[in-house]
Structures are given as structure tokens and as C-alpha cells.
Amino acid sequence: MSRITDLFRKKNQRVLNVYCTAGYPRLNSTMEVMKALQDNGADMIELGMPYSDPLADGPVIQASGSKALENGMSISTLFGQLKELRTTIRLPVLLMGYMNPVLQYGFEKFCAAASAVGIDGLILPDLPIYEFETEYGPVIKKYGLDFVFLITPETFPERIAKVDSLSSGFLYAVSSSSTTGKDKDLNGQRAYFEKLHEMRLRNPVLVGFGIKDKNTFETTCKYTNGAIIGTAYIKALENAKDINAATAAFLKPILGA
């Protein structure tokens, strides 16, 4: 059983997955940020691999990625930082990024390295279903990694059922068809969330894009298994002198701790 599956088996509701950018705010911040998230109540970590052309990311996460690239972050550097990942981090960890740098690194080499350091799953939004089924999915499975597909309010039920059958770990339900970081009326997406609930999907559902505080987190948790927070946390880290203190200050009001 993967760490992600085990998490949802133990805690099926109010799961909080927090996105952070590898190499931000400083090159060597990666493990410090992840440890702070673990120590302050996050249930899962989505570790973003910075890329120069991140199609789904809003300006805040794009800026964090640009800063990380300026700091010297690369996939090779990241795997070097993650060598001791499982000596300190017990939470499920996913790598989120885009196909271009992964293919440049070498897809199977990437999956092997991710598995070797203890990564649990991948989110690659620009990997099409057909290529996943025919070429990349078997490689991902070979190395014991979960793979998470994204769906949107415009995704047809047939496609939702299809990606649910292919995904493992959870489904990433984008709250609206836009980039990260924009304000969303989550209550206005009630019909979308209820549709997902009624479909009795095989995978748990986490909602991302627009989750930023206690109110948006609670709204999301009424209808799904939990939420993904990214942009708001990146903002909290931007000028942080003490990463753990900034993380605690950010998560405490959301979780009601």
C-alpha cells in the first residue's frame, strides 16, 4: 500500500495537501520547507519542480519557479537534495511538474530516481491520456509511483471516469478552468463537486486552485476529501526569515489548531 493510499485509509476527510516550490525561497530551502509543513499539520506535500513555461501556474507560483531556477534548482539538484528525504519526512510526497524537463532528464531515469529517494507519486498536467496508457504509465507503475490526473468543471463525465480508472492515489479536481492563484467562488462550484460525489469515483478527490484560507478549505471539505493549497503558502514564504514560524502562522488558522 502506497503512503498516499494509506493516508486516505486513515484520514478520508479534511486532507490538506500543500504545494511548495523546490529551491524556494532559497536553493537549500527544500527540505526545511517540507519539514516545516510536516511539523505544522500538513497531510501531504506536493513538491513543484520549477520550469520556465508552467502552463497551469499563476503569477505567484511562476515567480517562485523563476526564483528557484535563478537559485540553481534543476531536477538533478533536487534529487540530490532528496537523498535523505525519508530520514525526516514521513508524509506522502508527490512531484509536480511538466513533461519537457522530465523528458530532457530521461523519463525512466526520472521515475527510477524518484522512487529511489522515496517519492510517492507524480502530477504531470501535460501528459496526455493516450501517451500515459501506451508509453509512460507502465514505466510509472514499474517504479511503484502513483499518478494523479487533473479534471476541471468542463471535463465530460466519460473522461472523468476514464482518468479515475487510470489514476492512483487521488484525483486532482481543479476548481475552475484558470491558472492557480486566482480568487474562485467555490460555493458556485457546488454542482461540480456534487457531480463528482455522485459518480462514486474509485479515487479520493482533492480540490485545488483558489484554496487559500480556513473558509475556502472548509467549503471544499464539505463536498470532497480535502484540498490543495499552493499560491497562498508561497506568498507566506516570500519574505519569511523563519520558515517554520511562517509555516506555523499560515497553517494554524486554516486547520483551527
Protein backbone atom coordinates (compact mmCIF):
# COMPACT_ATOMS: atom_id res chain seq x y z
CA MET A 1 0.00 0.00 0.00
CA SER A 2 1.40 3.39 -1.00
CA ARG A 3 1.75 6.19 1.55
CA ILE A 4 -0.95 8.14 -0.29
CA THR A 5 -3.42 5.24 -0.17
CA ASP A 6 -2.57 4.64 3.47
CA LEU A 7 -3.20 8.32 4.28
CA PHE A 8 -6.70 8.22 2.78
CA ARG A 9 -7.41 4.93 4.52
CA LYS A 10 -6.59 6.52 7.87
CA LYS A 11 -7.95 10.01 7.17
CA ASN A 12 -10.59 10.16 4.46
CA GLN A 13 -11.77 13.71 5.11
CA ARG A 14 -10.17 17.16 5.54
CA VAL A 15 -6.92 16.05 3.93
CA LEU A 16 -4.62 19.02 3.35
CA ASN A 17 -2.05 18.80 0.59
CA VAL A 18 0.31 21.79 0.44
CA TYR A 19 2.30 22.80 -2.63
CA CYS A 20 5.80 24.21 -2.33
CA THR A 21 8.40 25.02 -4.97
CA ALA A 22 11.69 23.12 -4.82
CA GLY A 23 14.57 25.55 -4.30
CA TYR A 24 12.37 28.37 -2.99
CA PRO A 25 12.80 30.77 -1.30
CA ARG A 26 16.45 29.69 -1.31
CA LEU A 27 18.14 26.85 -3.16
CA ASN A 28 18.68 24.83 0.00
CA SER A 29 15.21 25.58 1.48
CA THR A 30 13.55 22.47 0.00
CA MET A 31 13.92 20.10 2.94
CA GLU A 32 13.45 22.88 5.50
CA VAL A 33 10.10 23.84 3.94
CA MET A 34 8.95 20.22 3.78
CA LYS A 35 9.89 19.61 7.42
CA ALA A 36 8.00 22.77 8.44
CA LEU A 37 4.90 21.56 6.59
CA GLN A 38 5.09 18.18 8.28
CA ASP A 39 5.62 19.70 11.73
CA ASN A 40 2.69 22.11 11.40
CA GLY A 41 -0.13 19.85 10.26
CA ALA A 42 0.01 19.25 6.51
CA ASP A 43 -1.08 15.76 5.48
CA MET A 44 0.69 15.60 2.14
CA ILE A 45 3.30 17.59 0.22
CA GLU A 46 3.21 18.49 -3.46
CA LEU A 47 6.73 19.49 -4.43
CA GLY A 48 6.86 21.63 -7.54
CA MET A 49 9.74 21.23 -9.97
CA PRO A 50 10.36 24.72 -11.40
CA TYR A 51 10.03 25.09 -15.16
CA SER A 52 10.39 28.10 -17.44
CA ASP A 53 6.96 27.66 -19.08
CA PRO A 54 4.49 26.40 -16.44
CA LEU A 55 1.15 26.50 -18.25
CA ALA A 56 -1.17 25.91 -15.28
CA ASP A 57 0.62 28.15 -12.79
CA GLY A 58 -0.42 31.66 -11.89
CA PRO A 59 1.99 34.58 -11.41
CA VAL A 60 2.92 33.83 -7.79
CA ILE A 61 3.95 30.23 -8.41
CA GLN A 62 5.58 31.23 -11.71
CA ALA A 63 7.65 33.82 -9.83
CA SER A 64 8.67 31.23 -7.23
CA GLY A 65 9.72 28.88 -10.01
CA SER A 66 11.74 31.62 -11.72
CA LYS A 67 13.44 32.42 -8.42
CA ALA A 68 14.21 28.73 -7.84
CA LEU A 69 15.73 28.44 -11.32
CA GLU A 70 17.82 31.55 -10.64
CA ASN A 71 18.90 29.92 -7.39
CA GLY A 72 20.23 26.98 -9.43
CA MET A 73 17.47 24.40 -9.00
CA SER A 74 17.34 21.55 -11.52
CA ILE A 75 15.98 18.02 -11.44
CA SER A 76 19.45 16.64 -10.76
CA THR A 77 19.98 19.11 -7.91
CA LEU A 78 16.56 18.26 -6.50
CA PHE A 79 17.22 14.54 -6.39
CA GLY A 80 20.49 15.31 -4.64
CA GLN A 81 18.58 17.29 -2.00
CA LEU A 82 16.07 14.46 -1.59
CA LYS A 83 18.60 11.69 -0.93
CA GLU A 84 17.85 11.80 2.79
CA LEU A 85 14.14 12.54 2.34
CA ARG A 86 12.87 9.53 4.26
CA THR A 87 15.15 10.09 7.23
CA THR A 88 12.99 13.08 8.22
CA ILE A 89 9.81 13.18 6.14
CA ARG A 90 7.10 10.59 6.77
CA LEU A 91 4.29 12.32 4.83
CA PRO A 92 3.36 11.30 1.27
CA VAL A 93 5.29 13.44 -1.23
CA LEU A 94 4.41 13.99 -4.88
CA LEU A 95 6.48 15.69 -7.54
CA MET A 96 4.51 18.13 -9.69
CA GLY A 97 5.92 19.44 -12.95
CA TYR A 98 5.87 19.37 -16.72
CA MET A 99 6.96 16.83 -19.29
CA ASN A 100 9.62 18.84 -21.08
CA PRO A 101 12.28 18.89 -18.32
CA VAL A 102 11.36 15.35 -17.29
CA LEU A 103 11.90 14.09 -20.84
CA GLN A 104 15.17 16.01 -21.05
CA TYR A 105 16.30 14.27 -17.88
CA GLY A 106 15.09 10.92 -19.24
CA PHE A 107 11.65 9.62 -18.28
CA GLU A 108 12.62 6.22 -16.91
CA LYS A 109 15.72 7.66 -15.26
CA PHE A 110 13.46 10.24 -13.60
CA CYS A 111 10.99 7.64 -12.33
CA ALA A 112 13.80 5.45 -11.04
CA ALA A 113 15.41 8.36 -9.19
CA ALA A 114 12.08 9.49 -7.74
CA SER A 115 11.33 6.01 -6.46
CA ALA A 116 14.84 5.61 -5.06
CA VAL A 117 14.58 8.72 -2.86
CA GLY A 118 11.10 7.84 -1.61
CA ILE A 119 8.78 9.95 -3.75
CA ASP A 120 5.23 8.55 -3.73
CA GLY A 121 3.61 9.95 -6.85
CA LEU A 122 3.69 12.27 -9.84
CA ILE A 123 1.49 15.07 -11.16
CA LEU A 124 2.36 15.93 -14.77
CA PRO A 125 -0.56 18.00 -16.12
CA ASP A 126 0.62 17.99 -19.74
CA LEU A 127 0.96 14.19 -20.04
CA PRO A 128 -1.96 13.14 -22.31
CA ILE A 129 -4.06 10.09 -21.56
CA TYR A 130 -3.06 8.24 -24.74
CA GLU A 131 0.67 8.65 -24.11
CA PHE A 132 0.15 7.66 -20.49
CA GLU A 133 -1.63 4.45 -21.49
CA THR A 134 0.70 3.47 -24.33
CA GLU A 135 4.12 4.62 -23.17
CA TYR A 136 4.62 6.30 -19.81
CA GLY A 137 2.10 4.68 -17.49
CA PRO A 138 3.82 1.29 -17.46
CA VAL A 139 7.13 2.97 -16.55
CA ILE A 140 5.49 4.88 -13.70
CA LYS A 141 3.91 1.66 -12.43
CA LYS A 142 7.20 -0.21 -12.75
CA TYR A 143 8.75 2.09 -10.16
CA GLY A 144 5.79 1.94 -7.79
CA LEU A 145 4.72 5.56 -8.22
CA ASP A 146 1.17 6.83 -8.06
CA PHE A 147 -0.01 9.09 -10.88
CA VAL A 148 -2.59 11.83 -10.40
CA PHE A 149 -4.68 13.20 -13.27
CA LEU A 150 -6.40 16.59 -13.23
CA ILE A 151 -10.06 17.24 -14.03
CA THR A 152 -12.00 20.51 -14.39
CA PRO A 153 -15.66 21.58 -14.22
CA GLU A 154 -15.73 21.26 -18.01
CA THR A 155 -14.42 17.69 -18.08
CA PHE A 156 -17.06 15.33 -19.50
CA PRO A 157 -18.24 12.53 -17.18
CA GLU A 158 -16.86 9.90 -19.57
CA ARG A 159 -13.40 11.42 -19.35
CA ILE A 160 -13.65 11.77 -15.57
CA ALA A 161 -14.47 8.05 -15.35
CA LYS A 162 -11.56 7.29 -17.66
CA VAL A 163 -8.94 9.23 -15.71
CA ASP A 164 -10.37 7.84 -12.46
CA SER A 165 -9.66 4.36 -13.80
CA LEU A 166 -6.09 5.37 -14.69
CA SER A 167 -5.22 7.50 -11.64
CA SER A 168 -3.90 6.14 -8.39
CA GLY A 169 -3.65 7.99 -5.10
CA PHE A 170 -6.30 10.64 -5.74
CA LEU A 171 -7.93 12.82 -8.40
CA TYR A 172 -6.96 16.49 -8.61
CA ALA A 173 -10.17 18.45 -9.17
CA VAL A 174 -9.30 21.91 -10.47
CA SER A 175 -11.92 24.30 -9.09
CA SER A 176 -12.20 26.26 -12.34
CA SER A 177 -10.54 26.41 -15.74
CA SER A 178 -7.91 29.03 -14.96
CA THR A 179 -4.41 29.24 -13.57
CA THR A 180 -3.51 28.89 -9.91
CA GLY A 181 -3.85 31.78 -7.50
CA LYS A 182 -6.99 33.46 -8.81
CA ASP A 183 -9.92 34.03 -6.46
CA LYS A 184 -12.65 31.45 -7.00
CA ASP A 185 -16.27 31.27 -5.88
CA LEU A 186 -16.09 27.75 -4.50
CA ASN A 187 -19.71 27.81 -3.39
CA GLY A 188 -20.57 28.43 -7.03
CA GLN A 189 -18.93 25.12 -7.89
CA ARG A 190 -21.25 23.11 -5.67
CA ALA A 191 -22.90 21.36 -8.63
CA TYR A 192 -19.47 20.31 -9.92
CA PHE A 193 -18.40 18.91 -6.56
CA GLU A 194 -21.74 17.15 -6.07
CA LYS A 195 -21.44 15.58 -9.52
CA LEU A 196 -18.07 14.15 -8.57
CA HIS A 197 -19.53 12.80 -5.33
CA GLU A 198 -22.45 11.19 -7.13
CA MET A 199 -20.15 9.46 -9.60
CA ARG A 200 -18.79 7.31 -6.75
CA LEU A 201 -15.26 7.55 -8.07
CA ARG A 202 -12.66 4.96 -7.22
CA ASN A 203 -10.16 7.59 -6.08
CA PRO A 204 -10.48 10.23 -3.36
CA VAL A 205 -10.86 13.79 -4.67
CA LEU A 206 -8.78 16.80 -3.63
CA VAL A 207 -9.68 20.27 -4.90
CA GLY A 208 -7.03 22.76 -5.96
CA PHE A 209 -6.84 26.32 -7.35
CA GLY A 210 -8.29 29.05 -5.14
CA ILE A 211 -7.93 27.35 -1.76
CA LYS A 212 -6.20 29.89 0.45
CA ASP A 213 -7.65 30.07 3.97
CA LYS A 214 -9.89 28.39 6.53
CA ASN A 215 -13.10 29.40 4.76
CA THR A 216 -12.12 28.05 1.35
CA PHE A 217 -10.66 24.91 2.91
CA GLU A 218 -13.84 24.24 4.90
CA THR A 219 -16.05 24.88 1.84
CA THR A 220 -14.09 22.39 -0.20
CA CYS A 221 -14.16 19.77 2.54
CA LYS A 222 -17.97 19.81 2.59
CA TYR A 223 -18.01 18.11 -0.79
CA THR A 224 -14.69 16.32 -1.27
CA ASN A 225 -11.91 14.58 0.66
CA GLY A 226 -9.85 17.73 1.06
CA ALA A 227 -7.88 20.43 -0.67
CA ILE A 228 -4.59 21.53 -2.16
CA ILE A 229 -3.13 24.91 -1.19
CA GLY A 230 -0.31 26.44 -3.20
CA THR A 231 -0.22 30.13 -4.07
CA ALA A 232 -1.22 31.36 -0.60
CA TYR A 233 1.56 29.32 1.03
CA ILE A 234 4.16 30.51 -1.48
CA LYS A 235 3.15 34.08 -0.60
CA ALA A 236 3.61 33.29 3.08
CA LEU A 237 7.18 32.13 2.39
CA GLU A 238 8.15 35.04 0.16
CA ASN A 239 9.81 37.23 2.79
CA ALA A 240 9.99 34.71 5.61
CA LYS A 241 13.10 34.92 7.77
CA ASP A 242 11.99 31.85 9.76
CA ILE A 243 10.39 29.23 7.52
CA ASN A 244 8.97 27.14 10.35
CA ALA A 245 7.42 30.16 12.06
CA ALA A 246 5.92 31.41 8.79
CA THR A 247 4.51 27.95 8.04
CA ALA A 248 3.01 27.64 11.51
CA ALA A 249 1.43 31.09 11.24
CA PHE A 250 -0.04 30.17 7.86
CA LEU A 251 -1.41 26.70 8.68
CA LYS A 252 -2.66 27.24 12.23
CA PRO A 253 -5.74 29.33 11.32
CA ILE A 254 -6.61 27.04 8.39
CA LEU A 255 -6.54 23.90 10.48
CA GLY A 256 -8.02 25.52 13.56
CA ALA A 257 -5.08 24.38 15.66
